[in-house]
N, C-alpha and C. Protein backbone atom coordinates (compact mmCIF):
# COMPACT_ATOMS: atom_id res chain seq x y z
N UNK A 1 0.84 -1.18 0.00
CA UNK A 1 0.00 0.00 0.00
C UNK A 1 0.88 1.24 0.00
N UNK A 2 0.98 1.92 -1.13
CA UNK A 2 1.84 3.09 -1.21
C UNK A 2 1.04 4.36 -1.42
N UNK A 3 1.75 5.42 -1.44
CA UNK A 3 1.15 6.71 -1.74
C UNK A 3 0.73 6.72 -3.21
N UNK A 4 -0.53 6.98 -3.49
CA UNK A 4 -1.04 6.91 -4.86
C UNK A 4 -0.32 7.87 -5.80
N UNK A 5 -0.03 9.06 -5.32
CA UNK A 5 0.65 10.05 -6.15
C UNK A 5 2.06 9.58 -6.50
N UNK A 6 2.75 9.02 -5.51
CA UNK A 6 4.11 8.52 -5.73
C UNK A 6 4.09 7.33 -6.69
N UNK A 7 3.14 6.41 -6.49
CA UNK A 7 3.04 5.23 -7.36
C UNK A 7 2.75 5.65 -8.80
N UNK A 8 1.89 6.63 -8.99
CA UNK A 8 1.56 7.14 -10.32
C UNK A 8 2.80 7.71 -11.00
N UNK A 9 3.55 8.53 -10.26
CA UNK A 9 4.76 9.14 -10.81
C UNK A 9 5.79 8.08 -11.16
N UNK A 10 5.90 7.07 -10.31
CA UNK A 10 6.85 5.99 -10.55
C UNK A 10 6.50 5.23 -11.84
N UNK A 11 5.22 5.00 -12.06
CA UNK A 11 4.76 4.30 -13.26
C UNK A 11 5.03 5.12 -14.52
N UNK A 12 4.74 6.42 -14.46
CA UNK A 12 4.99 7.31 -15.60
C UNK A 12 6.49 7.41 -15.87
N UNK A 13 7.27 7.53 -14.80
CA UNK A 13 8.73 7.63 -14.92
C UNK A 13 9.30 6.40 -15.63
N UNK A 14 8.79 5.23 -15.29
CA UNK A 14 9.25 4.00 -15.91
C UNK A 14 9.01 4.02 -17.42
N UNK A 15 7.87 4.53 -17.83
CA UNK A 15 7.56 4.63 -19.25
C UNK A 15 8.46 5.62 -19.97
N UNK A 16 8.76 6.72 -19.32
CA UNK A 16 9.63 7.75 -19.91
C UNK A 16 11.04 7.19 -20.08
N UNK A 17 11.54 6.51 -19.04
CA UNK A 17 12.92 6.02 -19.05
C UNK A 17 13.14 4.90 -20.05
N UNK A 18 12.06 4.25 -20.52
CA UNK A 18 12.20 3.25 -21.58
C UNK A 18 12.72 3.89 -22.86
N UNK A 19 12.30 5.14 -23.11
CA UNK A 19 12.60 5.82 -24.35
C UNK A 19 13.72 6.85 -24.24
N UNK A 20 14.03 7.33 -23.05
CA UNK A 20 14.99 8.41 -22.87
C UNK A 20 16.27 7.88 -22.25
N UNK A 21 17.37 7.99 -23.00
CA UNK A 21 18.68 7.56 -22.50
C UNK A 21 19.70 8.64 -22.82
N UNK A 22 20.54 8.94 -21.86
CA UNK A 22 21.57 9.96 -22.06
C UNK A 22 22.89 9.34 -22.46
N UNK A 23 23.62 10.04 -23.34
CA UNK A 23 24.96 9.62 -23.73
C UNK A 23 25.93 10.73 -23.36
N UNK A 24 27.21 10.51 -23.60
CA UNK A 24 28.20 11.54 -23.30
C UNK A 24 28.00 12.76 -24.20
N UNK A 25 27.64 12.53 -25.48
CA UNK A 25 27.44 13.64 -26.42
C UNK A 25 26.11 14.34 -26.16
N UNK A 26 25.09 13.57 -25.79
CA UNK A 26 23.76 14.13 -25.55
C UNK A 26 23.21 13.55 -24.24
N UNK A 27 23.62 14.13 -23.11
CA UNK A 27 23.20 13.59 -21.82
C UNK A 27 21.72 13.85 -21.51
N UNK A 28 21.24 13.16 -20.51
CA UNK A 28 19.85 13.29 -20.08
C UNK A 28 19.76 14.38 -19.02
N UNK A 29 18.91 15.37 -19.27
CA UNK A 29 18.65 16.43 -18.28
C UNK A 29 17.47 15.98 -17.45
N UNK A 30 17.74 15.56 -16.23
CA UNK A 30 16.69 15.05 -15.37
C UNK A 30 16.36 16.06 -14.28
N UNK A 31 15.09 16.12 -13.92
CA UNK A 31 14.58 17.10 -12.97
C UNK A 31 14.02 16.38 -11.75
N UNK A 32 14.32 16.89 -10.57
CA UNK A 32 13.68 16.41 -9.35
C UNK A 32 13.14 17.62 -8.62
N UNK A 33 11.90 17.54 -8.20
CA UNK A 33 11.34 18.65 -7.43
C UNK A 33 10.77 18.13 -6.13
N UNK A 34 11.12 18.81 -5.06
CA UNK A 34 10.51 18.54 -3.76
C UNK A 34 9.50 19.65 -3.54
N UNK A 35 8.87 19.66 -2.38
CA UNK A 35 7.89 20.71 -2.12
C UNK A 35 8.53 22.09 -2.09
N UNK A 36 9.76 22.17 -1.61
CA UNK A 36 10.40 23.48 -1.42
C UNK A 36 11.50 23.79 -2.44
N UNK A 37 12.14 22.77 -3.00
CA UNK A 37 13.31 22.99 -3.85
C UNK A 37 13.14 22.28 -5.19
N UNK A 38 14.04 22.59 -6.12
CA UNK A 38 14.08 21.91 -7.41
C UNK A 38 15.54 21.69 -7.79
N UNK A 39 15.81 20.53 -8.39
CA UNK A 39 17.16 20.14 -8.75
C UNK A 39 17.18 19.64 -10.18
N UNK A 40 18.32 19.81 -10.86
CA UNK A 40 18.49 19.29 -12.21
C UNK A 40 19.90 18.74 -12.33
N UNK A 41 20.03 17.69 -13.13
CA UNK A 41 21.36 17.16 -13.38
C UNK A 41 21.45 16.57 -14.78
N UNK A 42 22.66 16.60 -15.32
CA UNK A 42 22.92 16.00 -16.61
C UNK A 42 23.59 14.66 -16.36
N UNK A 43 22.99 13.59 -16.93
CA UNK A 43 23.44 12.24 -16.65
C UNK A 43 23.85 11.54 -17.94
N UNK A 44 25.02 10.92 -17.92
CA UNK A 44 25.47 10.04 -18.98
C UNK A 44 25.11 8.62 -18.54
N UNK A 45 24.03 8.05 -19.11
CA UNK A 45 23.55 6.75 -18.67
C UNK A 45 24.48 5.61 -19.08
N UNK A 46 25.22 5.78 -20.16
CA UNK A 46 26.11 4.73 -20.62
C UNK A 46 27.26 4.54 -19.62
N UNK A 47 27.84 5.65 -19.17
CA UNK A 47 28.91 5.58 -18.18
C UNK A 47 28.36 5.49 -16.76
N UNK A 48 27.07 5.81 -16.59
CA UNK A 48 26.47 5.79 -15.26
C UNK A 48 27.00 6.90 -14.38
N UNK A 49 27.19 8.10 -14.99
CA UNK A 49 27.80 9.20 -14.25
C UNK A 49 27.00 10.48 -14.40
N UNK A 50 26.97 11.25 -13.34
CA UNK A 50 26.39 12.59 -13.39
C UNK A 50 27.48 13.54 -13.84
N UNK A 51 27.22 14.27 -14.93
CA UNK A 51 28.22 15.17 -15.48
C UNK A 51 28.21 16.51 -14.77
N UNK A 52 27.02 17.04 -14.50
CA UNK A 52 26.91 18.33 -13.84
C UNK A 52 25.55 18.40 -13.15
N UNK A 53 25.46 19.18 -12.07
CA UNK A 53 24.18 19.30 -11.38
C UNK A 53 23.99 20.74 -10.91
N UNK A 54 22.73 21.07 -10.67
CA UNK A 54 22.38 22.39 -10.15
C UNK A 54 21.11 22.22 -9.30
N UNK A 55 20.99 23.08 -8.32
CA UNK A 55 19.81 23.00 -7.46
C UNK A 55 19.52 24.34 -6.83
N UNK A 56 18.27 24.53 -6.46
CA UNK A 56 17.87 25.80 -5.85
C UNK A 56 18.42 25.95 -4.45
N UNK A 57 18.73 24.84 -3.80
CA UNK A 57 19.28 24.91 -2.44
C UNK A 57 20.71 25.45 -2.44
N UNK A 58 21.45 25.18 -3.52
CA UNK A 58 22.84 25.62 -3.63
C UNK A 58 22.96 27.10 -4.02
N UNK A 59 21.92 27.65 -4.65
CA UNK A 59 21.97 29.02 -5.15
C UNK A 59 21.41 29.99 -4.11
N UNK A 60 22.22 30.96 -3.70
CA UNK A 60 21.77 31.92 -2.70
C UNK A 60 20.68 32.83 -3.26
N UNK A 61 20.79 33.18 -4.57
CA UNK A 61 19.80 34.07 -5.17
C UNK A 61 18.47 33.37 -5.43
N UNK A 62 18.39 32.05 -5.18
CA UNK A 62 17.15 31.32 -5.38
C UNK A 62 16.37 31.15 -4.08
N UNK A 63 16.88 31.71 -3.00
CA UNK A 63 16.20 31.57 -1.72
C UNK A 63 15.27 32.76 -1.47
N UNK A 64 14.12 32.47 -0.91
CA UNK A 64 13.18 33.51 -0.53
C UNK A 64 12.37 34.09 -1.68
N UNK A 65 12.34 33.40 -2.83
CA UNK A 65 11.52 33.86 -3.96
C UNK A 65 10.54 32.76 -4.33
N UNK A 66 9.65 33.07 -5.26
CA UNK A 66 8.66 32.09 -5.68
C UNK A 66 9.34 30.87 -6.28
N UNK A 67 8.73 29.72 -6.10
CA UNK A 67 9.35 28.46 -6.54
C UNK A 67 9.48 28.39 -8.05
N UNK A 68 8.55 28.98 -8.78
CA UNK A 68 8.64 28.96 -10.24
C UNK A 68 9.82 29.81 -10.72
N UNK A 69 10.14 30.88 -9.98
CA UNK A 69 11.32 31.69 -10.29
C UNK A 69 12.60 30.96 -9.90
N UNK A 70 12.54 30.16 -8.82
CA UNK A 70 13.68 29.33 -8.43
C UNK A 70 14.02 28.37 -9.56
N UNK A 71 12.99 27.77 -10.15
CA UNK A 71 13.19 26.80 -11.23
C UNK A 71 13.86 27.47 -12.43
N UNK A 72 13.48 28.70 -12.73
CA UNK A 72 14.08 29.43 -13.84
C UNK A 72 15.57 29.68 -13.58
N UNK A 73 15.92 30.02 -12.35
CA UNK A 73 17.32 30.25 -11.99
C UNK A 73 18.13 28.96 -12.13
N UNK A 74 17.56 27.84 -11.68
CA UNK A 74 18.24 26.55 -11.77
C UNK A 74 18.41 26.15 -13.24
N UNK A 75 17.41 26.43 -14.08
CA UNK A 75 17.50 26.12 -15.51
C UNK A 75 18.63 26.88 -16.19
N UNK A 76 18.74 28.16 -15.86
CA UNK A 76 19.83 28.97 -16.42
C UNK A 76 21.19 28.46 -15.94
N UNK A 77 21.25 28.11 -14.66
CA UNK A 77 22.50 27.63 -14.06
C UNK A 77 22.96 26.32 -14.70
N UNK A 78 22.04 25.38 -14.90
CA UNK A 78 22.41 24.10 -15.51
C UNK A 78 22.85 24.30 -16.96
N UNK A 79 22.21 25.26 -17.66
CA UNK A 79 22.59 25.55 -19.05
C UNK A 79 24.00 26.13 -19.11
N UNK A 80 24.32 27.05 -18.20
CA UNK A 80 25.67 27.65 -18.16
C UNK A 80 26.72 26.58 -17.89
N UNK A 81 26.44 25.71 -16.93
CA UNK A 81 27.41 24.66 -16.57
C UNK A 81 27.59 23.68 -17.73
N UNK A 82 26.50 23.35 -18.42
CA UNK A 82 26.57 22.41 -19.55
C UNK A 82 27.37 23.02 -20.70
N UNK A 83 27.12 24.28 -21.00
CA UNK A 83 27.84 24.94 -22.09
C UNK A 83 29.33 25.06 -21.77
N UNK A 84 29.68 25.23 -20.49
CA UNK A 84 31.08 25.30 -20.12
C UNK A 84 31.79 23.96 -20.33
N UNK A 85 31.03 22.86 -20.31
CA UNK A 85 31.59 21.54 -20.60
C UNK A 85 31.53 21.19 -22.08
N UNK A 86 30.95 22.10 -22.88
CA UNK A 86 30.83 21.86 -24.32
C UNK A 86 29.60 21.07 -24.71
N UNK A 87 28.63 20.96 -23.81
CA UNK A 87 27.39 20.23 -24.10
C UNK A 87 26.34 21.22 -24.56
N UNK A 88 25.84 21.02 -25.78
CA UNK A 88 24.82 21.92 -26.33
C UNK A 88 23.47 21.25 -26.47
N UNK A 89 23.46 19.91 -26.63
CA UNK A 89 22.21 19.18 -26.82
C UNK A 89 22.00 18.18 -25.68
N UNK A 90 20.78 18.11 -25.20
CA UNK A 90 20.41 17.17 -24.15
C UNK A 90 19.07 16.53 -24.50
N UNK A 91 18.75 15.45 -23.80
CA UNK A 91 17.40 14.90 -23.86
C UNK A 91 16.74 15.21 -22.52
N UNK A 92 15.50 15.65 -22.55
CA UNK A 92 14.83 16.11 -21.34
C UNK A 92 14.07 14.96 -20.69
N UNK A 93 14.32 14.75 -19.42
CA UNK A 93 13.63 13.73 -18.62
C UNK A 93 12.87 14.45 -17.52
N UNK A 94 11.56 14.50 -17.67
CA UNK A 94 10.74 15.22 -16.68
C UNK A 94 10.51 14.39 -15.43
N UNK A 95 11.01 13.16 -15.43
CA UNK A 95 11.05 12.32 -14.23
C UNK A 95 9.67 11.97 -13.69
N UNK A 96 8.69 11.88 -14.56
CA UNK A 96 7.34 11.52 -14.13
C UNK A 96 6.47 12.69 -13.73
N UNK A 97 7.04 13.88 -13.68
CA UNK A 97 6.25 15.07 -13.34
C UNK A 97 5.56 15.59 -14.60
N UNK A 98 4.47 16.29 -14.41
CA UNK A 98 3.80 16.92 -15.54
C UNK A 98 4.67 18.04 -16.08
N UNK A 99 4.66 18.23 -17.39
CA UNK A 99 5.41 19.33 -18.00
C UNK A 99 4.59 20.60 -17.82
N UNK A 100 4.70 21.16 -16.63
CA UNK A 100 3.84 22.26 -16.24
C UNK A 100 4.47 22.93 -15.03
N UNK A 101 4.25 24.21 -14.88
CA UNK A 101 4.72 24.91 -13.68
C UNK A 101 6.23 24.98 -13.58
N UNK A 102 6.75 24.45 -12.47
CA UNK A 102 8.19 24.56 -12.21
C UNK A 102 9.04 23.77 -13.19
N UNK A 103 8.56 22.59 -13.62
CA UNK A 103 9.31 21.78 -14.57
C UNK A 103 9.40 22.51 -15.91
N UNK A 104 8.30 23.10 -16.34
CA UNK A 104 8.27 23.86 -17.60
C UNK A 104 9.16 25.10 -17.49
N UNK A 105 9.11 25.78 -16.36
CA UNK A 105 9.93 26.97 -16.14
C UNK A 105 11.42 26.63 -16.22
N UNK A 106 11.82 25.52 -15.61
CA UNK A 106 13.21 25.09 -15.67
C UNK A 106 13.61 24.77 -17.10
N UNK A 107 12.76 24.04 -17.82
CA UNK A 107 13.07 23.67 -19.21
C UNK A 107 13.17 24.90 -20.11
N UNK A 108 12.25 25.82 -19.97
CA UNK A 108 12.26 27.02 -20.80
C UNK A 108 13.50 27.86 -20.57
N UNK A 109 13.89 28.02 -19.29
CA UNK A 109 15.07 28.84 -19.01
C UNK A 109 16.36 28.12 -19.43
N UNK A 110 16.37 26.78 -19.41
CA UNK A 110 17.53 26.05 -19.92
C UNK A 110 17.66 26.24 -21.42
N UNK A 111 16.52 26.27 -22.10
CA UNK A 111 16.54 26.54 -23.56
C UNK A 111 17.04 27.94 -23.83
N UNK A 112 16.57 28.91 -23.05
CA UNK A 112 17.03 30.30 -23.21
C UNK A 112 18.53 30.41 -22.94
N UNK A 113 19.02 29.56 -22.03
CA UNK A 113 20.44 29.56 -21.67
C UNK A 113 21.32 28.94 -22.75
N UNK A 114 20.72 28.30 -23.76
CA UNK A 114 21.51 27.78 -24.87
C UNK A 114 21.42 26.29 -25.10
N UNK A 115 20.71 25.55 -24.24
CA UNK A 115 20.60 24.11 -24.45
C UNK A 115 19.52 23.81 -25.49
N UNK A 116 19.74 22.76 -26.27
CA UNK A 116 18.77 22.35 -27.28
C UNK A 116 18.18 21.01 -26.89
N UNK A 117 16.85 20.95 -26.81
CA UNK A 117 16.13 19.69 -26.61
C UNK A 117 14.70 19.84 -27.04
């Protein structure tokens, strides 16, 4: 007997991960959101390694503002870090969350920052 919302997200996530795989040239941009924070990381699934990560908890300018604005800051930050490593293209993994609100804000700001997906 699990949390219905968690079980639903886990089921959706499993379906997404069947089709989405990150490589060194085109890593997977995965998003995790908690109630208060949001995190993003670029993952090379073939090597099983996280290439770069960003989160609202690590950014001082992301504290004390609306969560949707936090997501935009994290999206820009992950894009800057990816471009500094020479990564321009990624595959987006929404991690079972709806493409709406904070997840959409993070994705849009990562695109504005220069990432293509």
